[in-house]
N, C-alpha and C. Protein backbone atom coordinates (compact mmCIF):
# COMPACT_ATOMS: atom_id res chain seq x y z
N ILE A 1 163.09 54.62 273.29
CA ILE A 1 163.48 56.01 273.55
C ILE A 1 162.36 56.76 274.49
N PHE A 2 161.21 56.47 273.72
CA PHE A 2 160.12 57.76 274.19
C PHE A 2 159.48 56.76 275.43
N HIS A 3 159.96 56.68 276.47
CA HIS A 3 159.93 56.61 277.68
C HIS A 3 158.98 56.84 278.57
N LEU A 4 158.71 56.45 279.69
CA LEU A 4 157.57 57.08 280.39
C LEU A 4 158.00 58.77 280.94
N PHE A 5 159.20 58.72 281.31
CA PHE A 5 159.88 59.99 281.58
C PHE A 5 159.49 61.40 280.35
N LEU A 6 159.56 60.99 279.17
CA LEU A 6 159.16 62.26 278.11
C LEU A 6 157.83 62.06 278.03
N PHE A 7 156.95 61.02 278.04
CA PHE A 7 155.36 61.24 278.25
C PHE A 7 155.30 62.08 279.34
N LEU A 8 155.71 62.00 280.68
CA LEU A 8 155.61 63.08 281.61
C LEU A 8 156.00 64.56 281.12
N GLN A 9 157.23 64.80 280.44
CA GLN A 9 157.79 65.97 279.79
C GLN A 9 156.56 66.62 278.94
N VAL A 10 156.20 65.67 277.94
CA VAL A 10 155.12 66.23 277.02
C VAL A 10 153.98 66.80 277.66
N VAL A 11 153.48 65.92 278.22
CA VAL A 11 152.17 66.67 279.26
C VAL A 11 152.55 67.69 280.12
N ALA A 12 153.53 67.82 280.80
CA ALA A 12 153.58 68.75 281.55
C ALA A 12 153.91 69.86 280.83
N SER A 13 154.38 69.70 279.96
CA SER A 13 154.96 70.85 279.06
C SER A 13 154.03 71.64 278.47
N LEU A 14 152.92 70.96 278.04
CA LEU A 14 151.68 71.39 277.53
C LEU A 14 150.48 71.87 278.29
N ILE A 15 150.44 71.35 279.60
CA ILE A 15 149.45 72.09 280.48
C ILE A 15 149.59 73.25 281.05
N PRO A 16 148.55 74.05 281.39
CA PRO A 16 148.52 75.58 281.84
C PRO A 16 149.30 75.18 283.41
N HIS A 17 150.18 76.18 283.62
CA HIS A 17 150.79 76.19 284.90
C HIS A 17 150.39 77.46 285.93
N LYS A 18 150.65 77.53 286.91
CA LYS A 18 150.06 78.66 287.60
C LYS A 18 151.37 79.89 287.62
N GLY A 19 152.04 79.65 287.07
CA GLY A 19 153.57 80.72 286.90
C GLY A 19 154.55 80.04 286.19
N ILE A 20 155.23 81.51 285.66
CA ILE A 20 156.24 80.75 284.76
C ILE A 20 157.36 80.29 285.02
N LYS A 21 158.00 79.87 286.36
CA LYS A 21 159.14 79.18 286.46
C LYS A 21 158.77 77.64 286.52
N PRO A 22 157.65 76.83 286.97
CA PRO A 22 157.67 75.40 286.86
C PRO A 22 157.22 75.16 284.91
N ALA A 23 156.55 76.54 284.44
CA ALA A 23 156.21 75.95 282.81
C ALA A 23 157.55 76.11 282.26
N LEU A 24 158.59 77.03 282.74
CA LEU A 24 159.73 77.38 282.12
C LEU A 24 160.75 76.04 282.34
N PHE A 25 160.68 75.20 283.26
CA PHE A 25 161.19 73.92 283.96
C PHE A 25 161.05 72.95 283.23
N TRP A 26 159.38 72.73 282.94
CA TRP A 26 159.37 71.19 282.00
C TRP A 26 159.44 71.58 280.46
N GLN A 27 159.48 73.00 280.11
CA GLN A 27 159.30 73.18 278.96
C GLN A 27 160.97 73.04 278.32
N PHE A 28 161.74 73.14 279.08
CA PHE A 28 163.13 73.49 279.17
C PHE A 28 163.71 71.86 279.01
N LEU A 29 163.26 70.77 279.98
CA LEU A 29 163.12 69.62 280.00
C LEU A 29 163.08 68.84 278.63
N LEU A 30 161.87 69.19 278.15
CA LEU A 30 161.08 68.86 276.85
C LEU A 30 162.27 69.10 275.52
N GLN A 31 162.35 70.44 275.65
CA GLN A 31 163.10 70.93 274.20
C GLN A 31 164.35 70.48 274.16
N THR A 32 165.22 70.47 275.64
CA THR A 32 166.60 69.94 275.72
C THR A 32 166.29 68.53 275.22
N TYR A 33 165.74 67.65 275.81
CA TYR A 33 165.55 66.59 275.12
C TYR A 33 165.27 66.14 273.41
N CYS A 34 164.15 66.81 273.14
CA CYS A 34 164.03 67.40 271.68
C CYS A 34 165.38 67.28 270.80
N ALA A 35 165.98 68.70 271.26
CA ALA A 35 167.14 68.85 270.77
C ALA A 35 168.31 67.76 270.63
N GLY A 36 168.63 67.31 271.73
CA GLY A 36 169.32 65.99 271.76
C GLY A 36 168.84 64.75 270.58
N PHE A 37 167.77 64.38 270.75
CA PHE A 37 166.94 63.61 270.40
C PHE A 37 167.32 63.77 268.63
N ASN A 38 167.21 64.96 268.45
CA ASN A 38 167.15 65.28 266.59
C ASN A 38 168.82 65.32 266.19
N HIS A 39 169.29 65.54 267.40
CA HIS A 39 171.20 65.65 266.98
C HIS A 39 171.54 64.19 267.13
N ALA A 40 170.80 63.12 268.08
CA ALA A 40 171.44 61.91 267.83
C ALA A 40 170.57 60.87 266.72
N ASN A 41 169.46 61.34 266.34
CA ASN A 41 169.12 60.53 264.99
C ASN A 41 169.08 61.48 263.81
N ARG A 42 170.00 62.21 263.29
CA ARG A 42 170.25 63.14 262.14
C ARG A 42 171.09 62.18 261.35
N ASN A 43 171.07 62.77 260.02
CA ASN A 43 172.11 61.82 259.14
C ASN A 43 173.51 62.37 259.17
N ALA A 44 174.38 61.30 259.71
CA ALA A 44 175.71 61.84 260.09
C ALA A 44 176.69 61.51 259.23
N THR A 45 176.41 61.02 257.70
CA THR A 45 177.08 60.21 256.78
C THR A 45 178.48 61.42 256.23
N ALA A 46 177.93 62.63 256.54
CA ALA A 46 179.10 63.65 256.00
C ALA A 46 179.62 64.21 257.25
N THR A 47 179.87 63.69 258.12
CA THR A 47 180.56 64.04 259.65
C THR A 47 181.90 63.28 259.75
N LYS A 48 182.90 63.74 260.08
CA LYS A 48 183.98 63.19 260.32
C LYS A 48 183.86 62.29 261.11
N ASP A 49 183.87 61.08 261.64
CA ASP A 49 184.08 60.20 262.76
C ASP A 49 183.15 60.35 263.53
N ASN A 50 181.71 60.89 262.96
CA ASN A 50 180.60 60.86 263.52
C ASN A 50 180.64 61.78 264.87
N LYS A 51 181.50 62.60 264.74
CA LYS A 51 181.89 63.76 266.18
C LYS A 51 180.97 65.04 265.96
N THR A 52 180.57 65.87 267.25
CA THR A 52 179.67 66.63 267.29
C THR A 52 180.84 68.09 267.12
N SER A 53 180.56 68.73 266.34
CA SER A 53 181.49 70.10 265.93
C SER A 53 180.85 71.24 266.93
N MET A 54 182.04 71.96 267.32
CA MET A 54 181.54 73.04 268.42
C MET A 54 180.22 74.12 268.11
N LYS A 55 180.23 73.81 266.66
CA LYS A 55 179.11 74.86 265.99
C LYS A 55 177.57 73.94 266.33
N GLN A 56 177.75 72.90 266.01
CA GLN A 56 176.49 72.06 266.31
C GLN A 56 176.21 72.07 267.63
N SER A 57 177.31 72.14 268.35
CA SER A 57 177.25 71.95 270.16
C SER A 57 176.14 73.41 270.54
N ILE A 58 176.96 74.47 269.77
CA ILE A 58 176.14 75.83 269.88
C ILE A 58 174.91 75.69 269.79
N LEU A 59 174.30 75.05 268.50
CA LEU A 59 173.16 75.08 267.94
C LEU A 59 172.07 74.10 268.93
N ILE A 60 172.62 73.34 269.38
CA ILE A 60 171.86 72.35 270.01
C ILE A 60 171.55 73.16 271.52
N VAL A 61 172.46 73.61 272.01
CA VAL A 61 172.26 74.77 273.14
C VAL A 61 171.68 75.87 272.95
N GLY A 62 171.64 76.65 271.89
CA GLY A 62 170.68 77.55 271.49
C GLY A 62 169.44 77.31 271.06
N THR A 63 169.21 76.54 270.34
CA THR A 63 168.00 75.94 269.90
C THR A 63 167.16 75.33 271.32
N ALA A 64 167.58 74.65 271.97
CA ALA A 64 166.91 74.33 273.55
C ALA A 64 166.63 75.33 274.38
N ALA A 65 167.37 76.37 274.47
CA ALA A 65 167.09 77.53 275.20
C ALA A 65 165.99 78.39 274.62
N TYR A 66 166.01 78.55 273.29
CA TYR A 66 165.17 79.26 272.82
C TYR A 66 163.74 79.04 272.87
N SER A 67 163.80 77.68 272.28
CA SER A 67 162.47 77.30 272.14
C SER A 67 161.97 76.77 273.60
N SER A 68 162.58 76.98 274.80
CA SER A 68 162.09 76.56 276.07
C SER A 68 161.25 78.09 276.49
N PHE A 69 162.19 79.25 276.03
CA PHE A 69 161.41 80.14 276.22
C PHE A 69 160.31 80.71 275.72
N ALA A 70 160.36 80.48 274.18
CA ALA A 70 159.12 80.54 273.41
C ALA A 70 158.02 79.78 273.30
N GLY A 71 158.20 78.68 273.84
CA GLY A 71 157.20 77.82 274.07
C GLY A 71 156.63 77.89 275.42
N VAL A 72 156.71 78.73 276.42
CA VAL A 72 155.92 78.98 277.50
C VAL A 72 154.63 79.88 277.25
N ARG A 73 154.16 79.19 277.39
CA ARG A 73 152.51 80.28 276.93
C ARG A 73 152.09 81.20 278.18
N GLU A 74 152.66 81.11 279.43
CA GLU A 74 152.69 81.83 280.50
C GLU A 74 153.22 83.38 280.38
N ILE A 75 154.38 82.81 279.48
CA ILE A 75 155.12 84.46 279.52
C ILE A 75 154.36 85.21 278.47
N PHE A 76 153.66 84.69 277.63
CA PHE A 76 152.86 85.27 276.45
C PHE A 76 151.24 85.94 277.12
N VAL A 77 150.95 85.41 278.05
CA VAL A 77 149.85 85.33 278.71
C VAL A 77 149.97 86.54 279.76
N THR A 78 151.21 86.74 280.03
CA THR A 78 151.46 87.70 281.34
C THR A 78 151.94 88.95 280.46
N VAL A 79 152.47 89.06 279.32
CA VAL A 79 152.58 89.99 278.76
C VAL A 79 151.49 90.73 278.14
N LEU A 80 150.48 89.95 277.27
CA LEU A 80 149.41 90.13 276.94
C LEU A 80 148.15 90.55 277.77
N ALA A 81 148.40 89.97 278.89
CA ALA A 81 146.99 90.29 279.77
C ALA A 81 146.84 91.71 280.01
N SER A 82 147.79 92.87 279.91
CA SER A 82 147.57 94.16 280.30
C SER A 82 147.34 94.91 279.04
N HIS A 83 147.75 94.59 278.07
CA HIS A 83 147.34 94.95 276.84
C HIS A 83 146.31 94.58 275.62
N VAL A 84 145.62 93.39 275.81
CA VAL A 84 144.86 93.06 275.11
C VAL A 84 143.57 92.34 275.98
N PRO A 85 142.36 92.59 275.30
CA PRO A 85 141.19 92.07 276.10
C PRO A 85 140.94 90.67 276.10
N SER A 86 140.53 90.28 277.27
CA SER A 86 140.14 88.99 277.83
C SER A 86 139.47 88.10 276.61
N ARG A 87 138.86 88.24 275.69
CA ARG A 87 138.17 87.61 274.37
C ARG A 87 139.24 87.75 273.96
N VAL A 88 140.34 88.24 273.76
CA VAL A 88 141.31 88.02 272.69
C VAL A 88 142.71 87.04 273.16
N LEU A 89 142.30 86.97 274.65
CA LEU A 89 143.48 85.98 275.03
C LEU A 89 143.06 84.38 275.25
N LYS A 90 141.49 84.37 275.03
CA LYS A 90 140.64 83.14 274.79
C LYS A 90 140.61 82.29 273.47
N CYS A 91 140.95 83.54 272.76
CA CYS A 91 141.62 83.06 271.15
C CYS A 91 143.07 82.35 271.21
N PHE A 92 143.93 82.50 272.23
CA PHE A 92 145.39 82.50 272.22
C PHE A 92 145.92 81.00 271.86
N GLU A 93 145.02 80.48 273.10
CA GLU A 93 145.63 78.92 273.24
C GLU A 93 145.37 78.21 271.91
N PRO A 94 144.15 78.38 271.23
CA PRO A 94 144.43 77.44 270.15
C PRO A 94 145.15 77.86 269.00
N ASN A 95 145.70 79.26 268.90
CA ASN A 95 146.87 79.33 268.25
C ASN A 95 148.16 78.99 268.71
N MET A 96 148.30 78.59 269.96
CA MET A 96 149.49 77.90 270.58
C MET A 96 149.73 76.71 270.15
N CYS A 97 148.63 75.67 269.92
CA CYS A 97 148.98 74.89 269.20
C CYS A 97 149.99 74.96 267.90
N GLY A 98 149.67 75.76 266.80
CA GLY A 98 150.27 75.88 266.02
C GLY A 98 151.60 76.17 265.99
N PHE A 99 151.95 77.21 266.96
CA PHE A 99 153.21 77.66 267.37
C PHE A 99 154.02 76.36 267.86
N ILE A 100 153.35 75.70 268.66
CA ILE A 100 154.04 74.54 269.43
C ILE A 100 154.79 73.37 267.93
N ALA A 101 153.97 73.27 267.08
CA ALA A 101 154.16 72.54 266.10
C ALA A 101 155.75 73.55 265.36
N CYS A 102 155.46 74.69 265.29
CA CYS A 102 156.57 75.23 264.27
C CYS A 102 157.61 75.34 265.29
N LEU A 103 157.73 75.19 266.33
CA LEU A 103 158.81 75.14 267.27
C LEU A 103 159.54 73.81 267.18
N ALA A 104 158.78 72.92 267.29
CA ALA A 104 159.37 71.26 266.89
C ALA A 104 159.68 70.96 265.41
N ALA A 105 159.43 71.73 264.68
CA ALA A 105 160.06 71.78 263.64
C ALA A 105 161.19 72.85 263.14
N PHE A 106 161.04 73.70 264.03
CA PHE A 106 162.58 74.54 264.15
C PHE A 106 163.34 73.72 264.59
N SER A 107 163.06 73.21 265.51
CA SER A 107 164.38 72.36 266.43
C SER A 107 165.01 71.08 265.63
N VAL A 108 164.47 70.56 264.65
CA VAL A 108 164.90 69.73 263.58
C VAL A 108 165.65 70.57 262.60
N ILE A 109 165.03 71.69 262.15
CA ILE A 109 166.06 72.36 261.16
C ILE A 109 167.19 72.75 261.43
N VAL A 110 167.16 73.56 262.94
CA VAL A 110 168.19 74.17 263.27
C VAL A 110 169.25 73.36 263.74
N VAL A 111 168.94 71.95 264.78
CA VAL A 111 169.82 71.11 264.60
C VAL A 111 170.62 70.57 263.75
N ARG A 112 169.62 70.20 262.73
CA ARG A 112 170.36 69.20 261.89
C ARG A 112 170.60 70.24 260.29
N SER A 113 171.01 71.49 260.72
CA SER A 113 171.73 72.24 259.29
C SER A 113 172.53 71.93 258.68
N GLU A 114 173.75 71.35 259.47
CA GLU A 114 174.69 70.71 258.88
C GLU A 114 174.55 69.76 257.81
N GLU A 115 173.40 68.90 257.59
CA GLU A 115 173.25 68.21 256.70
C GLU A 115 173.08 68.72 255.27
N ALA A 116 172.54 70.04 255.56
CA ALA A 116 172.39 70.94 254.50
C ALA A 116 173.31 71.55 253.92
N ASP A 117 174.30 71.72 254.90
CA ASP A 117 175.88 72.41 254.57
C ASP A 117 176.64 71.55 253.82
N ASN A 118 176.84 70.28 254.22
CA ASN A 118 177.94 69.48 254.03
C ASN A 118 177.15 68.02 252.96
N GLY A 119 175.73 68.23 253.21
CA GLY A 119 175.37 67.05 252.33
C GLY A 119 175.28 65.92 253.14
N ILE A 120 174.33 64.77 252.62
CA ILE A 120 174.19 63.46 252.79
C ILE A 120 174.19 62.59 251.53
N ARG A 121 175.01 61.42 252.21
CA ARG A 121 175.07 59.88 251.22
C ARG A 121 173.98 59.80 250.45
N VAL A 122 173.81 59.42 249.12
CA VAL A 122 173.03 58.69 248.47
C VAL A 122 173.28 57.47 247.81
N PHE A 123 172.31 56.70 247.53
CA PHE A 123 172.56 55.24 247.22
C PHE A 123 171.60 54.83 246.07
N ASP A 124 172.38 53.88 245.31
CA ASP A 124 171.42 53.48 244.16
C ASP A 124 170.54 52.46 244.64
N SER A 125 169.64 51.89 243.62
CA SER A 125 168.50 50.91 244.34
C SER A 125 169.23 49.63 245.13
N ASN A 126 170.47 49.52 244.85
CA ASN A 126 170.98 48.22 245.47
C ASN A 126 171.69 48.51 246.35
N GLY A 127 171.44 49.84 247.12
CA GLY A 127 172.35 50.11 248.40
C GLY A 127 173.64 50.69 248.32
N ASN A 128 174.31 50.51 247.18
CA ASN A 128 175.73 50.95 246.80
C ASN A 128 175.66 52.75 246.97
N ALA A 129 176.67 53.04 247.80
CA ALA A 129 176.94 54.80 248.08
C ALA A 129 177.24 54.90 247.01
N ILE A 130 176.86 56.30 246.34
CA ILE A 130 177.10 57.29 245.38
C ILE A 130 177.91 58.14 245.47
N GLY A 131 177.21 58.85 246.65
CA GLY A 131 178.48 60.03 246.86
C GLY A 131 177.60 60.70 247.72
N LEU A 132 178.08 62.12 248.14
CA LEU A 132 177.52 62.95 249.13
C LEU A 132 176.95 64.48 248.07
N SER A 133 175.53 64.47 248.64
CA SER A 133 174.45 65.45 248.07
C SER A 133 174.40 66.84 248.88
N LYS A 134 174.27 67.91 248.70
CA LYS A 134 173.84 68.86 249.32
C LYS A 134 172.48 68.96 248.98
N ALA A 135 172.19 68.36 247.85
CA ALA A 135 170.73 68.79 247.44
C ALA A 135 169.80 68.15 248.36
N ALA A 136 170.38 66.95 248.82
CA ALA A 136 169.28 65.67 249.17
C ALA A 136 169.27 66.20 250.62
N GLY A 137 170.13 66.88 251.43
CA GLY A 137 170.38 67.09 252.87
C GLY A 137 169.03 67.82 253.40
N PRO A 138 168.84 68.89 252.46
CA PRO A 138 167.16 69.71 252.63
C PRO A 138 166.39 69.03 253.21
N LYS A 139 165.98 68.21 251.53
CA LYS A 139 164.59 67.54 251.52
C LYS A 139 164.64 66.30 252.67
N ALA A 140 165.74 65.88 253.23
CA ALA A 140 165.74 64.82 254.70
C ALA A 140 165.37 65.92 255.61
N ILE A 141 165.95 66.77 255.76
CA ILE A 141 165.37 67.91 256.82
C ILE A 141 163.84 68.20 256.71
N LYS A 142 163.33 68.75 255.58
CA LYS A 142 162.39 68.84 255.47
C LYS A 142 161.02 68.08 256.00
N GLU A 143 161.40 67.08 255.57
CA GLU A 143 160.29 65.45 255.60
C GLU A 143 160.64 65.57 257.45
N THR A 144 161.60 65.36 257.95
CA THR A 144 161.62 65.18 259.28
C THR A 144 161.23 66.05 259.95
N ALA A 145 161.47 67.42 259.66
CA ALA A 145 160.89 68.95 260.63
C ALA A 145 159.14 68.57 260.06
N LEU A 146 158.52 68.15 259.26
CA LEU A 146 157.20 68.10 258.84
C LEU A 146 156.86 66.83 259.87
N SER A 147 157.42 65.71 259.87
CA SER A 147 156.87 64.85 260.66
C SER A 147 157.07 65.13 262.03
N ARG A 148 157.70 66.16 262.75
CA ARG A 148 157.71 66.27 264.14
C ARG A 148 156.94 67.33 264.44
N ALA A 149 156.58 68.36 263.28
CA ALA A 149 155.36 69.35 263.57
C ALA A 149 154.24 68.47 263.91
N ALA A 150 153.73 67.61 263.02
CA ALA A 150 152.64 66.98 262.92
C ALA A 150 152.35 66.05 264.43
N LEU A 151 153.83 65.45 264.88
CA LEU A 151 153.53 64.99 266.45
C LEU A 151 153.28 65.91 267.50
N PHE A 152 153.82 66.81 267.47
CA PHE A 152 153.77 68.10 268.29
C PHE A 152 152.38 68.93 268.33
N GLY A 153 152.30 68.96 266.94
CA GLY A 153 151.11 69.75 266.66
C GLY A 153 149.70 69.24 267.12
N THR A 154 149.81 68.27 266.48
CA THR A 154 148.35 66.75 266.55
C THR A 154 148.28 67.13 268.35
N THR A 155 149.39 66.59 269.32
CA THR A 155 149.23 66.33 270.31
C THR A 155 148.70 67.48 271.59
N ALA A 156 149.21 68.79 270.84
CA ALA A 156 148.76 69.64 271.27
C ALA A 156 147.21 70.36 271.25
N ALA A 157 147.03 69.74 269.76
CA ALA A 157 145.88 70.22 269.46
C ALA A 157 144.45 69.75 269.70
N VAL A 158 144.46 68.39 269.97
CA VAL A 158 143.41 67.51 270.22
C VAL A 158 142.83 67.64 271.42
N PRO A 159 143.81 67.37 272.31
CA PRO A 159 143.33 67.65 273.75
C PRO A 159 142.66 69.34 273.82
N THR A 160 143.27 70.29 273.13
CA THR A 160 142.51 71.57 273.33
C THR A 160 141.21 71.52 272.76
N LEU A 161 140.76 70.65 271.37
CA LEU A 161 139.75 70.69 270.90
C LEU A 161 138.70 70.02 271.66
N LEU A 162 138.77 68.64 272.48
CA LEU A 162 138.38 67.88 273.20
C LEU A 162 137.75 68.65 274.53
N LEU A 163 138.62 69.68 275.26
CA LEU A 163 138.55 70.26 276.21
C LEU A 163 137.46 71.07 275.81
N ALA A 164 137.56 71.78 274.96
CA ALA A 164 136.66 72.95 274.57
C ALA A 164 135.21 72.50 274.42
N LEU A 165 135.14 71.28 273.70
CA LEU A 165 134.04 70.52 273.60
C LEU A 165 133.45 69.84 275.28
N LEU A 166 134.02 69.75 275.68
CA LEU A 166 133.38 69.08 276.75
C LEU A 166 133.22 69.99 277.83
N LYS A 167 133.64 70.96 277.73
CA LYS A 167 133.33 72.07 278.81
C LYS A 167 131.96 72.68 278.48
N ARG A 168 131.25 72.54 277.50
CA ARG A 168 129.82 72.85 277.04
C ARG A 168 129.35 71.81 277.52
N ALA A 169 129.89 70.82 277.85
CA ALA A 169 128.58 70.14 278.71
C ALA A 169 128.40 70.10 280.16
N LYS A 170 127.05 69.91 280.48
CA LYS A 170 126.49 70.35 281.73
C LYS A 170 126.94 69.58 282.84
N PHE A 171 127.43 68.06 282.60
CA PHE A 171 127.95 67.61 283.63
C PHE A 171 129.71 67.87 283.97
N VAL A 172 130.00 68.56 283.06
CA VAL A 172 131.51 68.90 283.18
C VAL A 172 131.33 70.12 283.76
N GLN A 173 130.50 71.05 283.24
CA GLN A 173 130.26 72.19 284.04
C GLN A 173 130.10 72.18 285.69
N ARG A 174 129.21 71.09 285.79
CA ARG A 174 128.94 70.77 287.24
C ARG A 174 130.02 70.09 288.47
N ASN A 175 131.01 69.56 287.29
CA ASN A 175 132.29 68.84 287.80
C ASN A 175 133.69 69.37 287.50
N PRO A 176 134.04 70.72 287.25
CA PRO A 176 135.17 71.24 286.90
C PRO A 176 136.12 70.45 287.16
N MET A 177 136.30 69.85 288.11
CA MET A 177 137.75 69.05 288.54
C MET A 177 137.94 68.05 287.89
N ILE A 178 137.00 67.67 286.87
CA ILE A 178 137.63 66.36 285.71
C ILE A 178 137.89 66.88 284.84
N ILE A 179 138.36 68.22 284.28
CA ILE A 179 139.07 68.73 283.10
C ILE A 179 140.32 68.60 283.44
N ALA A 180 141.34 68.76 284.40
CA ALA A 180 142.52 68.65 284.60
C ALA A 180 143.05 67.09 284.25
N PRO A 181 142.56 65.86 284.61
CA PRO A 181 142.68 64.45 284.41
C PRO A 181 142.49 64.28 282.96
N VAL A 182 141.22 64.60 282.66
CA VAL A 182 141.01 64.38 281.02
C VAL A 182 142.07 64.94 280.01
N ARG A 183 142.15 66.40 280.30
CA ARG A 183 143.76 66.60 279.57
C ARG A 183 145.05 65.82 279.62
N HIS A 184 145.45 65.73 280.82
CA HIS A 184 146.81 65.03 281.10
C HIS A 184 146.39 63.69 280.13
N ILE A 185 145.52 62.77 280.48
CA ILE A 185 145.48 61.42 279.95
C ILE A 185 145.05 61.60 278.40
N SER A 186 144.27 62.86 277.83
CA SER A 186 144.33 62.71 276.73
C SER A 186 145.58 62.88 276.01
N THR A 187 146.33 64.09 276.54
CA THR A 187 147.42 64.60 275.91
C THR A 187 148.33 63.27 275.85
N ALA A 188 148.30 62.43 276.73
CA ALA A 188 149.40 61.37 276.70
C ALA A 188 148.85 60.49 275.70
N ILE A 189 147.66 60.04 275.66
CA ILE A 189 146.99 59.10 274.61
C ILE A 189 147.70 59.29 272.85
N ILE A 190 147.14 61.15 272.97
CA ILE A 190 147.51 61.50 271.30
C ILE A 190 149.07 61.36 271.11
N PHE A 191 149.48 61.63 272.08
CA PHE A 191 151.14 61.70 271.92
C PHE A 191 151.70 60.19 271.55
N GLY A 192 150.89 59.15 272.29
CA GLY A 192 151.28 57.91 272.22
C GLY A 192 151.29 57.22 270.67
N LEU A 193 149.87 57.54 270.25
CA LEU A 193 148.98 57.19 269.04
C LEU A 193 150.17 57.75 267.91
N MET A 194 150.32 58.98 268.25
CA MET A 194 150.81 60.11 266.91
C MET A 194 152.74 59.52 266.76
N ILE A 195 153.11 58.84 267.70
CA ILE A 195 154.44 58.73 267.49
C ILE A 195 154.41 57.99 266.18
N PRO A 196 154.02 56.65 266.48
CA PRO A 196 154.27 55.98 265.00
C PRO A 196 153.62 56.44 263.86
N VAL A 197 152.54 57.45 264.06
CA VAL A 197 151.77 58.22 262.69
C VAL A 197 152.93 59.04 262.36
N SER A 198 153.27 59.64 263.30
CA SER A 198 154.56 60.85 262.64
C SER A 198 155.70 60.19 261.97
N PHE A 199 156.13 59.06 262.60
CA PHE A 199 157.36 58.51 261.86
C PHE A 199 157.24 57.98 260.98
N SER A 200 156.17 57.68 260.46
CA SER A 200 155.61 57.06 259.15
C SER A 200 155.08 57.58 257.98
N LEU A 201 154.96 59.01 258.58
CA LEU A 201 154.49 59.84 257.57
C LEU A 201 155.61 60.08 256.14
N PHE A 202 156.63 59.94 256.59
CA PHE A 202 157.70 59.95 255.06
C PHE A 202 158.50 58.42 255.56
N PRO A 203 158.90 57.50 254.57
CA PRO A 203 159.99 56.65 254.49
C PRO A 203 161.42 57.22 255.11
N GLN A 204 161.77 56.09 255.67
CA GLN A 204 163.15 56.27 256.55
C GLN A 204 164.13 56.35 255.01
N PHE A 205 163.90 55.81 253.99
CA PHE A 205 164.70 55.66 252.74
C PHE A 205 163.82 56.60 251.69
N GLY A 206 164.16 57.79 251.49
CA GLY A 206 163.62 58.51 250.52
C GLY A 206 164.06 58.19 249.38
N LYS A 207 163.42 58.40 248.23
CA LYS A 207 163.38 58.72 246.84
C LYS A 207 163.94 60.33 246.37
N ILE A 208 164.95 60.36 245.67
CA ILE A 208 164.91 62.14 244.81
C ILE A 208 165.53 61.35 243.49
N LYS A 209 164.87 62.20 242.85
CA LYS A 209 165.40 62.05 241.22
C LYS A 209 166.98 62.71 240.98
N LYS A 210 167.36 62.11 240.08
CA LYS A 210 169.02 63.16 239.95
C LYS A 210 168.48 63.95 239.19
N GLU A 211 167.70 64.45 238.54
CA GLU A 211 167.59 66.05 238.11
C GLU A 211 167.76 66.96 239.31
N SER A 212 167.18 66.43 240.46
CA SER A 212 167.06 67.24 241.52
C SER A 212 168.51 67.51 242.24
N LEU A 213 169.35 66.78 241.97
CA LEU A 213 170.94 66.54 242.53
C LEU A 213 172.06 67.48 241.81
N GLU A 214 172.92 67.33 242.23
CA GLU A 214 174.25 67.78 241.60
C GLU A 214 174.48 67.43 240.14
N GLU A 215 175.27 68.17 239.62
CA GLU A 215 175.67 68.02 238.11
C GLU A 215 176.41 66.39 238.05
N GLU A 216 177.35 66.27 238.83
CA GLU A 216 177.74 64.92 239.01
C GLU A 216 176.96 63.95 239.16
N PHE A 217 176.06 63.98 239.46
CA PHE A 217 174.92 62.71 239.68
C PHE A 217 174.07 62.59 238.37
N GLN A 218 174.14 63.83 237.31
CA GLN A 218 173.46 63.73 236.27
C GLN A 218 173.95 62.60 235.51
N SER A 219 175.04 61.99 235.09
CA SER A 219 175.89 61.69 234.21
C SER A 219 175.78 59.96 234.73
N LEU A 220 175.06 59.86 235.87
CA LEU A 220 175.30 58.19 236.30
C LEU A 220 174.09 57.52 235.33
N ASP A 221 175.24 56.03 235.28
CA ASP A 221 173.92 55.32 234.10
C ASP A 221 173.23 54.37 235.27
N ARG A 222 172.64 54.52 235.93
CA ARG A 222 171.42 54.69 236.51
C ARG A 222 169.94 54.62 236.56
N ASN A 223 169.42 53.93 237.29
CA ASN A 223 167.61 54.49 237.19
C ASN A 223 167.52 56.00 237.37
N GLY A 224 166.50 56.52 237.05
CA GLY A 224 166.30 58.06 237.74
C GLY A 224 166.02 58.63 238.97
N GLU A 225 166.01 57.43 239.69
CA GLU A 225 165.93 57.95 241.08
C GLU A 225 167.34 57.27 242.09
N LEU A 226 167.39 57.85 242.82
CA LEU A 226 168.51 57.51 243.90
C LEU A 226 167.80 57.37 245.24
N PHE A 227 168.67 57.09 246.23
CA PHE A 227 167.92 56.97 247.75
C PHE A 227 168.57 57.71 248.81
N TYR A 228 168.21 58.08 249.64
CA TYR A 228 169.29 58.84 250.81
C TYR A 228 168.14 58.53 252.36
N HIS A 229 169.03 58.17 253.38
CA HIS A 229 168.63 58.14 254.55
C HIS A 229 168.25 59.41 255.35
N ARG A 230 167.09 59.81 255.53
CA ARG A 230 166.28 60.80 256.13
C ARG A 230 166.62 61.18 257.81
N GLY A 231 166.79 60.22 258.38
CA GLY A 231 166.92 60.08 259.89
C GLY A 231 165.43 60.16 260.53
N LEU A 232 165.85 60.29 261.68
CA LEU A 232 164.29 60.29 262.58
C LEU A 232 163.98 61.27 263.16
């Protein structure tokens, strides 16, 4: 799924651009892909015939559009340039890394919001379906959102920190052209390394205590834990 074109989208969306249009273009491609990926890999056990509702379609389009504009740092820089000192703008890029992580989590939460509304299927230790739980849905969404925030937040933060350190080196100061390829390569490498790490932060089959579920599950003569599939 995470093919070469996705790596290109990630790198192109995280690097600085000279104008708003190219930055918005790459950000839109990335956020559209992320929204589609979140939807395709959701837990749809409570969705009839696994079909996408009109509400869900609107949420996907809205999330992609909002995240695209919100994720373009050039928009913020252009707006802030005439209102804040330059030293404040220098502090903006590190803070942008946290904002990118929040956008990644936001996309998961909004696109998969129906899991919290409709619930997801829970299973016993033998893999037998017990029923639908609205309490398990938010837990699955939260875990996936945190893993996605770790993926994109780390991918944005590590190259930024690396470049901040490299810019102090005399060799880099004498050869500033090396900064761009280092940024591109480091972003792609960190993203590739973080994919398996972020996906394994939480197990695919999560555990939840019966006490945390609805009353209908409390009287079940089973172990104290049930299981759910959190999606990807």
